[in-house]
Amino acid sequence: MTTQNVASVYPLPPEYYKRYTDENLNILKQVKEQGEEAFVASGGALPQTFSILELEPPPPITEGYYHTFNEPWPVVDVLLSLEDQGHKQLYPSGKIDRNVELKKLNQSAIFNFLELLNSLVKDPDRSLEKFEQIKLIFLNMKHMLNEYRPHQARETLRSILKNQLEDRRRATEEIRNRCNELAKTLETIKSSWKALDEPKMDLDTH
């Protein structure tokens, strides 16, 4: 019978998570209130293997870049220009008709794609150059479309708020209708009881 080694799919958490005990967190709280020297002078004991202030989380990043999946991202969410990303901008800067420019880039992409097919047949050495041109065109198209993201976000938020308002209005109208129906039902019941009480009162008078 063979034995099978069992390994964890994910790595174990860092060992320093064991430092966050209730005792150490209480010490950290007192050190922050009194100061490290005053805490020690009052008879408090600090950990020997690490600084108690290391338990304090670092402040959030407010500027510069952070890395996710080995890609740098700016802390302030802004759309970098193509030049800042190291690419050539193929469309003019400033106020432009984006529909026209996108159509031009699309036509250029189709033309270069046909040139790429032709070069693969006649001159394969030029295919890499054409491939890079097509890649640059699509990067420009993607960047131009990404510039619409703030407008898209505003319109999406406006649509969400509008739908929520309409849902609340419908719910309010439904509650109002139910209340009216209940009031009519109660009035009918009241009238029925009143009609039943009148013959009873006549019998009592006789």
N, C-alpha and C. Protein backbone atom coordinates (compact mmCIF):
# COMPACT_ATOMS: atom_id res chain seq x y z
N MET A 1 0.85 -1.20 0.00
CA MET A 1 0.00 0.00 0.00
C MET A 1 0.88 1.25 0.00
N THR A 2 0.68 2.11 -0.97
CA THR A 2 1.51 3.30 -1.09
C THR A 2 0.91 4.45 -0.29
N THR A 3 1.77 5.28 0.21
CA THR A 3 1.31 6.45 0.96
C THR A 3 1.31 7.66 0.05
N GLN A 4 0.38 8.53 0.24
CA GLN A 4 0.24 9.73 -0.59
C GLN A 4 0.49 10.95 0.26
N ASN A 5 1.41 11.81 -0.20
CA ASN A 5 1.71 13.02 0.53
C ASN A 5 0.59 14.04 0.32
N VAL A 6 0.14 14.62 1.39
CA VAL A 6 -0.91 15.62 1.33
C VAL A 6 -0.29 16.98 1.64
N ALA A 7 -0.45 17.92 0.73
CA ALA A 7 0.10 19.26 0.91
C ALA A 7 -1.02 20.27 0.86
N SER A 8 -0.82 21.38 1.54
CA SER A 8 -1.82 22.45 1.54
C SER A 8 -1.82 23.14 0.18
N VAL A 9 -3.03 23.45 -0.31
CA VAL A 9 -3.13 24.14 -1.59
C VAL A 9 -2.60 25.56 -1.48
N TYR A 10 -2.88 26.21 -0.36
CA TYR A 10 -2.45 27.58 -0.15
C TYR A 10 -1.34 27.60 0.90
N PRO A 11 -0.40 28.53 0.80
CA PRO A 11 0.66 28.62 1.80
C PRO A 11 0.10 29.03 3.16
N LEU A 12 0.80 28.67 4.20
CA LEU A 12 0.38 29.04 5.55
C LEU A 12 0.51 30.54 5.73
N PRO A 13 -0.30 31.12 6.60
CA PRO A 13 -0.19 32.57 6.85
C PRO A 13 1.15 32.88 7.51
N PRO A 14 1.62 34.12 7.39
CA PRO A 14 2.88 34.50 8.02
C PRO A 14 2.83 34.27 9.53
N GLU A 15 3.98 33.95 10.08
CA GLU A 15 4.05 33.61 11.49
C GLU A 15 3.71 34.78 12.40
N TYR A 16 3.88 36.02 11.91
CA TYR A 16 3.69 37.14 12.81
C TYR A 16 2.23 37.37 13.17
N TYR A 17 1.31 36.62 12.56
CA TYR A 17 -0.09 36.77 12.98
C TYR A 17 -0.27 36.30 14.42
N LYS A 18 0.67 35.45 14.91
CA LYS A 18 0.58 34.97 16.28
C LYS A 18 0.88 36.07 17.30
N ARG A 19 1.45 37.19 16.84
CA ARG A 19 1.75 38.29 17.75
C ARG A 19 0.48 39.02 18.20
N TYR A 20 -0.59 38.90 17.41
CA TYR A 20 -1.80 39.67 17.70
C TYR A 20 -2.68 38.95 18.73
N THR A 21 -2.12 38.80 19.91
CA THR A 21 -2.88 38.22 21.02
C THR A 21 -3.59 39.33 21.77
N ASP A 22 -4.56 38.95 22.60
CA ASP A 22 -5.28 39.95 23.39
C ASP A 22 -4.33 40.69 24.32
N GLU A 23 -3.36 39.96 24.87
CA GLU A 23 -2.41 40.58 25.78
C GLU A 23 -1.56 41.62 25.06
N ASN A 24 -1.04 41.26 23.88
CA ASN A 24 -0.19 42.20 23.14
C ASN A 24 -0.99 43.40 22.66
N LEU A 25 -2.22 43.18 22.24
CA LEU A 25 -3.06 44.30 21.79
C LEU A 25 -3.38 45.23 22.96
N ASN A 26 -3.55 44.68 24.14
CA ASN A 26 -3.78 45.51 25.32
C ASN A 26 -2.53 46.33 25.66
N ILE A 27 -1.34 45.70 25.51
CA ILE A 27 -0.09 46.42 25.73
C ILE A 27 0.05 47.54 24.72
N LEU A 28 -0.27 47.26 23.44
CA LEU A 28 -0.19 48.29 22.40
C LEU A 28 -1.09 49.47 22.74
N LYS A 29 -2.28 49.20 23.22
CA LYS A 29 -3.22 50.26 23.57
C LYS A 29 -2.65 51.14 24.68
N GLN A 30 -2.05 50.50 25.69
CA GLN A 30 -1.49 51.27 26.80
C GLN A 30 -0.26 52.06 26.37
N VAL A 31 0.58 51.48 25.51
CA VAL A 31 1.76 52.18 25.03
C VAL A 31 1.34 53.40 24.22
N LYS A 32 0.31 53.30 23.40
CA LYS A 32 -0.16 54.43 22.61
C LYS A 32 -0.74 55.53 23.50
N GLU A 33 -1.34 55.14 24.63
CA GLU A 33 -1.93 56.13 25.53
C GLU A 33 -0.87 56.79 26.42
N GLN A 34 0.07 55.97 26.95
CA GLN A 34 1.03 56.47 27.94
C GLN A 34 2.38 56.83 27.34
N GLY A 35 2.75 56.17 26.23
CA GLY A 35 4.11 56.27 25.73
C GLY A 35 4.91 55.07 26.20
N GLU A 36 5.87 54.67 25.38
CA GLU A 36 6.62 53.45 25.69
C GLU A 36 7.42 53.57 26.97
N GLU A 37 8.10 54.70 27.16
CA GLU A 37 8.93 54.87 28.35
C GLU A 37 8.07 54.91 29.62
N ALA A 38 6.95 55.62 29.57
CA ALA A 38 6.09 55.69 30.75
C ALA A 38 5.48 54.32 31.06
N PHE A 39 5.18 53.54 30.02
CA PHE A 39 4.62 52.21 30.24
C PHE A 39 5.62 51.31 30.94
N VAL A 40 6.89 51.37 30.51
CA VAL A 40 7.93 50.55 31.13
C VAL A 40 8.21 51.03 32.54
N ALA A 41 8.22 52.35 32.74
CA ALA A 41 8.48 52.90 34.07
C ALA A 41 7.40 52.51 35.06
N SER A 42 6.17 52.32 34.58
CA SER A 42 5.08 51.93 35.48
C SER A 42 5.06 50.44 35.77
N GLY A 43 6.06 49.72 35.26
CA GLY A 43 6.15 48.29 35.54
C GLY A 43 5.64 47.40 34.43
N GLY A 44 5.25 47.97 33.29
CA GLY A 44 4.78 47.17 32.18
C GLY A 44 5.90 46.43 31.47
N ALA A 45 5.59 45.27 30.93
CA ALA A 45 6.59 44.45 30.24
C ALA A 45 6.29 44.44 28.76
N LEU A 46 7.31 44.73 27.95
CA LEU A 46 7.18 44.73 26.50
C LEU A 46 7.68 43.41 25.93
N PRO A 47 7.15 42.99 24.77
CA PRO A 47 7.68 41.78 24.12
C PRO A 47 9.16 41.94 23.80
N GLN A 48 9.91 40.84 23.86
CA GLN A 48 11.35 40.88 23.66
C GLN A 48 11.75 40.60 22.21
N THR A 49 10.90 39.92 21.46
CA THR A 49 11.29 39.49 20.11
C THR A 49 10.90 40.48 19.02
N PHE A 50 10.06 41.47 19.33
CA PHE A 50 9.65 42.44 18.33
C PHE A 50 9.18 43.70 19.03
N SER A 51 9.11 44.79 18.28
CA SER A 51 8.62 46.05 18.83
C SER A 51 7.10 46.02 18.87
N ILE A 52 6.55 46.43 19.99
CA ILE A 52 5.10 46.39 20.14
C ILE A 52 4.41 47.30 19.14
N LEU A 53 5.10 48.37 18.70
CA LEU A 53 4.50 49.30 17.74
C LEU A 53 4.38 48.69 16.35
N GLU A 54 5.03 47.55 16.11
CA GLU A 54 4.90 46.88 14.82
C GLU A 54 3.50 46.30 14.62
N LEU A 55 2.75 46.18 15.72
CA LEU A 55 1.37 45.68 15.59
C LEU A 55 0.44 46.74 15.03
N GLU A 56 0.87 47.99 15.06
CA GLU A 56 0.05 49.07 14.51
C GLU A 56 0.05 48.97 12.98
N PRO A 57 -1.11 48.92 12.34
CA PRO A 57 -1.14 48.83 10.87
C PRO A 57 -0.54 50.07 10.23
N PRO A 58 0.12 49.93 9.09
CA PRO A 58 0.71 51.09 8.43
C PRO A 58 -0.38 52.02 7.91
N PRO A 59 -0.09 53.30 7.78
CA PRO A 59 -1.08 54.24 7.25
C PRO A 59 -1.38 53.93 5.79
N PRO A 60 -2.58 54.23 5.34
CA PRO A 60 -2.91 53.97 3.93
C PRO A 60 -2.05 54.81 2.99
N ILE A 61 -1.80 54.26 1.81
CA ILE A 61 -1.02 54.97 0.79
C ILE A 61 -1.88 56.07 0.19
N THR A 62 -1.34 57.26 0.11
CA THR A 62 -2.08 58.40 -0.42
C THR A 62 -1.51 58.93 -1.73
N GLU A 63 -0.32 58.48 -2.10
CA GLU A 63 0.29 58.96 -3.34
C GLU A 63 1.22 57.88 -3.89
N GLY A 64 1.63 58.07 -5.12
CA GLY A 64 2.54 57.11 -5.73
C GLY A 64 1.79 55.96 -6.39
N TYR A 65 2.40 54.78 -6.35
CA TYR A 65 1.85 53.60 -7.03
C TYR A 65 1.82 52.42 -6.08
N TYR A 66 0.93 51.50 -6.36
CA TYR A 66 0.94 50.19 -5.70
C TYR A 66 0.94 49.13 -6.79
N HIS A 67 1.33 47.91 -6.44
CA HIS A 67 1.46 46.84 -7.43
C HIS A 67 0.42 45.75 -7.16
N THR A 68 -0.28 45.37 -8.19
CA THR A 68 -1.23 44.27 -8.15
C THR A 68 -0.97 43.37 -9.35
N PHE A 69 -0.75 42.07 -9.09
CA PHE A 69 -0.41 41.12 -10.14
C PHE A 69 0.76 41.63 -10.98
N ASN A 70 1.74 42.18 -10.27
CA ASN A 70 3.00 42.65 -10.88
C ASN A 70 2.78 43.83 -11.82
N GLU A 71 1.65 44.52 -11.69
CA GLU A 71 1.37 45.69 -12.51
C GLU A 71 1.26 46.92 -11.62
N PRO A 72 1.95 48.02 -11.95
CA PRO A 72 1.83 49.24 -11.14
C PRO A 72 0.51 49.96 -11.41
N TRP A 73 -0.13 50.42 -10.35
CA TRP A 73 -1.38 51.17 -10.46
C TRP A 73 -1.27 52.43 -9.61
N PRO A 74 -1.70 53.57 -10.13
CA PRO A 74 -1.62 54.81 -9.34
C PRO A 74 -2.62 54.77 -8.19
N VAL A 75 -2.21 55.32 -7.04
CA VAL A 75 -3.10 55.37 -5.88
C VAL A 75 -4.31 56.25 -6.20
N VAL A 76 -4.07 57.40 -6.79
CA VAL A 76 -5.16 58.25 -7.26
C VAL A 76 -5.61 57.72 -8.62
N ASP A 77 -6.86 57.31 -8.69
CA ASP A 77 -7.36 56.63 -9.89
C ASP A 77 -7.54 57.63 -11.03
N VAL A 78 -6.51 57.77 -11.83
CA VAL A 78 -6.55 58.64 -13.00
C VAL A 78 -6.13 57.84 -14.22
N LEU A 79 -6.64 58.25 -15.36
CA LEU A 79 -6.29 57.59 -16.61
C LEU A 79 -5.02 58.23 -17.16
N LEU A 80 -3.94 57.47 -17.18
CA LEU A 80 -2.68 57.98 -17.69
C LEU A 80 -2.75 58.16 -19.20
N SER A 81 -2.03 59.13 -19.71
CA SER A 81 -1.99 59.34 -21.15
C SER A 81 -1.20 58.20 -21.80
N LEU A 82 -1.37 58.08 -23.10
CA LEU A 82 -0.63 57.04 -23.83
C LEU A 82 0.87 57.25 -23.72
N GLU A 83 1.30 58.51 -23.77
CA GLU A 83 2.73 58.80 -23.64
C GLU A 83 3.27 58.37 -22.29
N ASP A 84 2.48 58.60 -21.23
CA ASP A 84 2.90 58.18 -19.89
C ASP A 84 2.99 56.66 -19.78
N GLN A 85 2.21 55.97 -20.59
CA GLN A 85 2.25 54.51 -20.59
C GLN A 85 3.30 53.96 -21.56
N GLY A 86 3.98 54.87 -22.25
CA GLY A 86 5.04 54.45 -23.16
C GLY A 86 4.57 54.07 -24.54
N HIS A 87 3.41 54.61 -24.95
CA HIS A 87 2.86 54.30 -26.28
C HIS A 87 2.64 55.59 -27.06
N LYS A 88 2.67 55.50 -28.37
CA LYS A 88 2.45 56.65 -29.24
C LYS A 88 0.96 56.88 -29.41
N GLN A 89 0.55 58.14 -29.33
CA GLN A 89 -0.85 58.50 -29.55
C GLN A 89 -1.07 58.78 -31.02
N LEU A 90 -2.02 58.08 -31.62
CA LEU A 90 -2.26 58.18 -33.06
C LEU A 90 -3.35 59.18 -33.41
N TYR A 91 -4.13 59.61 -32.46
CA TYR A 91 -5.19 60.58 -32.74
C TYR A 91 -4.82 61.92 -32.11
N PRO A 92 -5.35 63.02 -32.63
CA PRO A 92 -4.97 64.35 -32.12
C PRO A 92 -5.47 64.57 -30.70
N SER A 93 -4.78 65.43 -29.96
CA SER A 93 -5.17 65.77 -28.60
C SER A 93 -6.18 66.92 -28.63
N GLY A 94 -6.75 67.20 -27.47
CA GLY A 94 -7.70 68.29 -27.38
C GLY A 94 -9.12 67.85 -27.69
N LYS A 95 -9.95 68.82 -28.04
CA LYS A 95 -11.35 68.56 -28.33
C LYS A 95 -11.49 67.96 -29.73
N ILE A 96 -11.93 66.72 -29.81
CA ILE A 96 -12.05 66.01 -31.09
C ILE A 96 -13.40 65.30 -31.15
N ASP A 97 -13.77 64.91 -32.35
CA ASP A 97 -14.96 64.07 -32.55
C ASP A 97 -14.51 62.63 -32.41
N ARG A 98 -14.80 62.03 -31.29
CA ARG A 98 -14.30 60.68 -31.00
C ARG A 98 -14.90 59.64 -31.92
N ASN A 99 -16.12 59.85 -32.35
CA ASN A 99 -16.72 58.89 -33.28
C ASN A 99 -15.93 58.85 -34.59
N VAL A 100 -15.55 60.01 -35.08
CA VAL A 100 -14.78 60.08 -36.32
C VAL A 100 -13.42 59.44 -36.13
N GLU A 101 -12.75 59.76 -35.01
CA GLU A 101 -11.41 59.24 -34.77
C GLU A 101 -11.43 57.73 -34.56
N LEU A 102 -12.46 57.22 -33.90
CA LEU A 102 -12.57 55.78 -33.71
C LEU A 102 -12.79 55.06 -35.05
N LYS A 103 -13.58 55.68 -35.92
CA LYS A 103 -13.79 55.08 -37.24
C LYS A 103 -12.49 55.07 -38.04
N LYS A 104 -11.69 56.14 -37.93
CA LYS A 104 -10.40 56.18 -38.62
C LYS A 104 -9.47 55.08 -38.10
N LEU A 105 -9.42 54.93 -36.78
CA LEU A 105 -8.57 53.89 -36.21
C LEU A 105 -9.06 52.50 -36.60
N ASN A 106 -10.38 52.33 -36.67
CA ASN A 106 -10.93 51.04 -37.06
C ASN A 106 -10.57 50.71 -38.51
N GLN A 107 -10.67 51.71 -39.40
CA GLN A 107 -10.30 51.50 -40.79
C GLN A 107 -8.80 51.21 -40.92
N SER A 108 -8.01 51.91 -40.12
CA SER A 108 -6.57 51.66 -40.14
C SER A 108 -6.24 50.26 -39.64
N ALA A 109 -6.98 49.79 -38.64
CA ALA A 109 -6.75 48.44 -38.13
C ALA A 109 -7.08 47.39 -39.20
N ILE A 110 -8.18 47.61 -39.93
CA ILE A 110 -8.56 46.67 -40.99
C ILE A 110 -7.51 46.67 -42.10
N PHE A 111 -7.05 47.87 -42.48
CA PHE A 111 -6.05 47.97 -43.54
C PHE A 111 -4.75 47.26 -43.13
N ASN A 112 -4.31 47.50 -41.90
CA ASN A 112 -3.07 46.86 -41.44
C ASN A 112 -3.23 45.36 -41.28
N PHE A 113 -4.45 44.91 -40.95
CA PHE A 113 -4.68 43.48 -40.86
C PHE A 113 -4.55 42.82 -42.23
N LEU A 114 -5.10 43.48 -43.25
CA LEU A 114 -4.94 42.96 -44.61
C LEU A 114 -3.47 42.97 -45.03
N GLU A 115 -2.75 44.03 -44.63
CA GLU A 115 -1.32 44.10 -44.92
C GLU A 115 -0.57 42.99 -44.19
N LEU A 116 -1.01 42.67 -42.98
CA LEU A 116 -0.39 41.58 -42.22
C LEU A 116 -0.57 40.25 -42.93
N LEU A 117 -1.79 40.00 -43.43
CA LEU A 117 -2.03 38.76 -44.17
C LEU A 117 -1.17 38.69 -45.43
N ASN A 118 -1.05 39.82 -46.11
CA ASN A 118 -0.25 39.88 -47.32
C ASN A 118 1.23 39.64 -47.02
N SER A 119 1.71 40.22 -45.89
CA SER A 119 3.13 40.06 -45.54
C SER A 119 3.43 38.63 -45.10
N LEU A 120 2.46 37.97 -44.50
CA LEU A 120 2.68 36.58 -44.10
C LEU A 120 2.89 35.68 -45.31
N VAL A 121 2.29 36.07 -46.44
CA VAL A 121 2.44 35.28 -47.66
C VAL A 121 3.70 35.68 -48.43
N LYS A 122 3.92 36.98 -48.58
CA LYS A 122 5.00 37.45 -49.44
C LYS A 122 6.29 37.77 -48.69
N ASP A 123 6.16 38.37 -47.51
CA ASP A 123 7.36 38.80 -46.78
C ASP A 123 7.13 38.57 -45.29
N PRO A 124 7.31 37.35 -44.81
CA PRO A 124 7.03 37.03 -43.40
C PRO A 124 7.86 37.85 -42.42
N ASP A 125 9.02 38.34 -42.85
CA ASP A 125 9.86 39.11 -41.94
C ASP A 125 9.20 40.42 -41.52
N ARG A 126 8.30 40.96 -42.33
CA ARG A 126 7.61 42.21 -42.01
C ARG A 126 6.36 41.99 -41.18
N SER A 127 5.99 40.74 -40.92
CA SER A 127 4.74 40.47 -40.21
C SER A 127 4.80 40.99 -38.77
N LEU A 128 5.96 40.89 -38.14
CA LEU A 128 6.07 41.38 -36.76
C LEU A 128 5.84 42.89 -36.69
N GLU A 129 6.36 43.62 -37.68
CA GLU A 129 6.16 45.07 -37.72
C GLU A 129 4.68 45.41 -37.85
N LYS A 130 3.98 44.69 -38.74
CA LYS A 130 2.55 44.93 -38.92
C LYS A 130 1.77 44.56 -37.66
N PHE A 131 2.20 43.49 -37.01
CA PHE A 131 1.53 43.08 -35.78
C PHE A 131 1.66 44.16 -34.71
N GLU A 132 2.83 44.77 -34.59
CA GLU A 132 3.03 45.83 -33.61
C GLU A 132 2.20 47.06 -33.96
N GLN A 133 2.04 47.36 -35.25
CA GLN A 133 1.21 48.48 -35.66
C GLN A 133 -0.26 48.25 -35.29
N ILE A 134 -0.73 47.04 -35.52
CA ILE A 134 -2.12 46.71 -35.16
C ILE A 134 -2.30 46.78 -33.64
N LYS A 135 -1.32 46.30 -32.91
CA LYS A 135 -1.38 46.36 -31.45
C LYS A 135 -1.47 47.80 -30.97
N LEU A 136 -0.68 48.69 -31.58
CA LEU A 136 -0.70 50.11 -31.20
C LEU A 136 -2.04 50.74 -31.52
N ILE A 137 -2.62 50.38 -32.65
CA ILE A 137 -3.94 50.92 -33.03
C ILE A 137 -4.99 50.53 -32.01
N PHE A 138 -4.99 49.26 -31.62
CA PHE A 138 -5.99 48.80 -30.65
C PHE A 138 -5.75 49.42 -29.27
N LEU A 139 -4.51 49.66 -28.91
CA LEU A 139 -4.23 50.35 -27.65
C LEU A 139 -4.80 51.77 -27.67
N ASN A 140 -4.69 52.45 -28.81
CA ASN A 140 -5.26 53.79 -28.94
C ASN A 140 -6.79 53.75 -28.87
N MET A 141 -7.39 52.77 -29.51
CA MET A 141 -8.84 52.65 -29.45
C MET A 141 -9.30 52.36 -28.03
N LYS A 142 -8.60 51.47 -27.35
CA LYS A 142 -8.95 51.14 -25.97
C LYS A 142 -8.81 52.35 -25.06
N HIS A 143 -7.74 53.13 -25.24
CA HIS A 143 -7.54 54.31 -24.41
C HIS A 143 -8.62 55.35 -24.65
N MET A 144 -9.00 55.53 -25.91
CA MET A 144 -10.05 56.51 -26.22
C MET A 144 -11.38 56.09 -25.60
N LEU A 145 -11.68 54.79 -25.62
CA LEU A 145 -12.91 54.31 -25.02
C LEU A 145 -12.86 54.41 -23.50
N ASN A 146 -11.68 54.20 -22.91
CA ASN A 146 -11.56 54.31 -21.46
C ASN A 146 -11.78 55.73 -20.97
N GLU A 147 -11.57 56.72 -21.85
CA GLU A 147 -11.82 58.09 -21.46
C GLU A 147 -13.31 58.36 -21.24
N TYR A 148 -14.16 57.45 -21.72
CA TYR A 148 -15.59 57.57 -21.49
C TYR A 148 -16.02 56.98 -20.15
N ARG A 149 -15.10 56.34 -19.42
CA ARG A 149 -15.46 55.66 -18.19
C ARG A 149 -16.11 56.58 -17.16
N PRO A 150 -15.57 57.78 -16.89
CA PRO A 150 -16.25 58.66 -15.92
C PRO A 150 -17.69 58.99 -16.32
N HIS A 151 -17.89 59.27 -17.62
CA HIS A 151 -19.24 59.55 -18.10
C HIS A 151 -20.13 58.32 -17.93
N GLN A 152 -19.58 57.15 -18.24
CA GLN A 152 -20.35 55.91 -18.09
C GLN A 152 -20.72 55.68 -16.63
N ALA A 153 -19.77 55.95 -15.72
CA ALA A 153 -20.04 55.76 -14.29
C ALA A 153 -21.15 56.68 -13.82
N ARG A 154 -21.12 57.94 -14.27
CA ARG A 154 -22.17 58.88 -13.87
C ARG A 154 -23.53 58.45 -14.39
N GLU A 155 -23.57 58.03 -15.65
CA GLU A 155 -24.84 57.61 -16.24
C GLU A 155 -25.36 56.34 -15.57
N THR A 156 -24.44 55.43 -15.23
CA THR A 156 -24.85 54.20 -14.55
C THR A 156 -25.43 54.51 -13.17
N LEU A 157 -24.74 55.42 -12.44
CA LEU A 157 -25.24 55.81 -11.12
C LEU A 157 -26.59 56.51 -11.24
N ARG A 158 -26.73 57.37 -12.24
CA ARG A 158 -28.00 58.07 -12.44
C ARG A 158 -29.12 57.05 -12.74
N SER A 159 -28.81 56.05 -13.55
CA SER A 159 -29.81 55.04 -13.89
C SER A 159 -30.19 54.21 -12.66
N ILE A 160 -29.19 53.87 -11.83
CA ILE A 160 -29.48 53.09 -10.61
C ILE A 160 -30.38 53.89 -9.67
N LEU A 161 -30.04 55.17 -9.47
CA LEU A 161 -30.84 56.00 -8.58
C LEU A 161 -32.26 56.20 -9.12
N LYS A 162 -32.37 56.34 -10.45
CA LYS A 162 -33.69 56.50 -11.05
C LYS A 162 -34.53 55.25 -10.85
N ASN A 163 -33.92 54.07 -11.04
CA ASN A 163 -34.65 52.81 -10.84
C ASN A 163 -35.06 52.64 -9.39
N GLN A 164 -34.16 53.01 -8.46
CA GLN A 164 -34.51 52.91 -7.04
C GLN A 164 -35.66 53.83 -6.70
N LEU A 165 -35.65 55.05 -7.26
CA LEU A 165 -36.75 56.00 -7.00
C LEU A 165 -38.06 55.47 -7.55
N GLU A 166 -38.03 54.89 -8.75
CA GLU A 166 -39.25 54.34 -9.33
C GLU A 166 -39.76 53.15 -8.52
N ASP A 167 -38.84 52.31 -8.03
CA ASP A 167 -39.25 51.17 -7.21
C ASP A 167 -39.91 51.65 -5.92
N ARG A 168 -39.36 52.69 -5.32
CA ARG A 168 -39.95 53.21 -4.08
C ARG A 168 -41.30 53.85 -4.35
N ARG A 169 -41.42 54.53 -5.48
CA ARG A 169 -42.73 55.12 -5.81
C ARG A 169 -43.77 54.04 -6.03
N ARG A 170 -43.38 52.96 -6.74
CA ARG A 170 -44.32 51.85 -6.95
C ARG A 170 -44.70 51.20 -5.63
N ALA A 171 -43.69 51.01 -4.75
CA ALA A 171 -43.97 50.40 -3.45
C ALA A 171 -44.90 51.30 -2.63
N THR A 172 -44.66 52.61 -2.67
CA THR A 172 -45.51 53.55 -1.94
C THR A 172 -46.93 53.53 -2.48
N GLU A 173 -47.06 53.50 -3.80
CA GLU A 173 -48.39 53.46 -4.41
C GLU A 173 -49.11 52.16 -4.07
N GLU A 174 -48.36 51.05 -4.03
CA GLU A 174 -48.96 49.77 -3.68
C GLU A 174 -49.43 49.78 -2.22
N ILE A 175 -48.62 50.35 -1.33
CA ILE A 175 -49.03 50.44 0.08
C ILE A 175 -50.26 51.32 0.22
N ARG A 176 -50.29 52.43 -0.53
CA ARG A 176 -51.44 53.33 -0.46
C ARG A 176 -52.71 52.63 -0.96
N ASN A 177 -52.59 51.85 -2.04
CA ASN A 177 -53.75 51.12 -2.55
C ASN A 177 -54.23 50.07 -1.55
N ARG A 178 -53.27 49.39 -0.93
CA ARG A 178 -53.64 48.38 0.06
C ARG A 178 -54.35 49.02 1.26
N CYS A 179 -53.85 50.18 1.66
CA CYS A 179 -54.48 50.90 2.78
C CYS A 179 -55.90 51.31 2.43
N ASN A 180 -56.11 51.79 1.20
CA ASN A 180 -57.45 52.17 0.77
C ASN A 180 -58.38 50.97 0.74
N GLU A 181 -57.85 49.83 0.22
CA GLU A 181 -58.67 48.61 0.20
C GLU A 181 -59.03 48.16 1.61
N LEU A 182 -58.03 48.26 2.51
CA LEU A 182 -58.30 47.87 3.90
C LEU A 182 -59.31 48.79 4.56
N ALA A 183 -59.21 50.09 4.26
CA ALA A 183 -60.18 51.03 4.83
C ALA A 183 -61.58 50.73 4.32
N LYS A 184 -61.71 50.41 3.02
CA LYS A 184 -63.03 50.06 2.48
C LYS A 184 -63.57 48.79 3.12
N THR A 185 -62.67 47.81 3.32
CA THR A 185 -63.10 46.56 3.94
C THR A 185 -63.58 46.80 5.37
N LEU A 186 -62.83 47.60 6.12
CA LEU A 186 -63.23 47.91 7.49
C LEU A 186 -64.55 48.66 7.53
N GLU A 187 -64.75 49.56 6.57
CA GLU A 187 -66.01 50.30 6.51
C GLU A 187 -67.17 49.37 6.20
N THR A 188 -66.94 48.40 5.30
CA THR A 188 -67.99 47.43 4.97
C THR A 188 -68.34 46.58 6.20
N ILE A 189 -67.30 46.14 6.92
CA ILE A 189 -67.53 45.34 8.12
C ILE A 189 -68.29 46.15 9.17
N LYS A 190 -67.90 47.41 9.31
CA LYS A 190 -68.56 48.29 10.27
C LYS A 190 -70.04 48.47 9.92
N SER A 191 -70.30 48.65 8.61
CA SER A 191 -71.69 48.81 8.19
C SER A 191 -72.49 47.54 8.41
N SER A 192 -71.86 46.39 8.20
CA SER A 192 -72.55 45.11 8.39
C SER A 192 -72.90 44.91 9.86
N TRP A 193 -71.96 45.20 10.74
CA TRP A 193 -72.24 45.07 12.17
C TRP A 193 -73.34 46.05 12.60
N LYS A 194 -73.31 47.23 12.04
CA LYS A 194 -74.34 48.20 12.39
C LYS A 194 -75.71 47.72 11.93
N ALA A 195 -75.74 47.10 10.73
CA ALA A 195 -77.01 46.58 10.23
C ALA A 195 -77.52 45.43 11.09
N LEU A 196 -76.61 44.63 11.64
CA LEU A 196 -77.03 43.52 12.50
C LEU A 196 -77.49 44.02 13.86
N ASP A 197 -76.93 45.11 14.33
CA ASP A 197 -77.30 45.63 15.65
C ASP A 197 -78.68 46.27 15.64
N GLU A 198 -79.14 46.82 14.52
CA GLU A 198 -80.43 47.51 14.48
C GLU A 198 -81.60 46.58 14.75
N PRO A 199 -81.69 45.36 14.11
CA PRO A 199 -82.80 44.44 14.46
C PRO A 199 -82.74 44.02 15.93
N LYS A 200 -81.56 43.85 16.45
CA LYS A 200 -81.43 43.45 17.85
C LYS A 200 -81.99 44.51 18.79
N MET A 201 -81.73 45.77 18.46
CA MET A 201 -82.25 46.88 19.26
C MET A 201 -83.78 46.91 19.18
N ASP A 202 -84.37 46.59 18.02
CA ASP A 202 -85.84 46.56 17.88
C ASP A 202 -86.43 45.48 18.74
N LEU A 203 -85.78 44.31 18.81
CA LEU A 203 -86.28 43.21 19.62
C LEU A 203 -86.23 43.56 21.09
N ASP A 204 -85.18 44.29 21.49
CA ASP A 204 -85.06 44.65 22.89
C ASP A 204 -86.14 45.65 23.32
N THR A 205 -86.57 46.51 22.39
CA THR A 205 -87.61 47.49 22.72
C THR A 205 -88.95 46.83 22.91
N HIS A 206 -89.20 45.69 22.23
CA HIS A 206 -90.47 44.97 22.38
C HIS A 206 -90.42 44.08 23.62
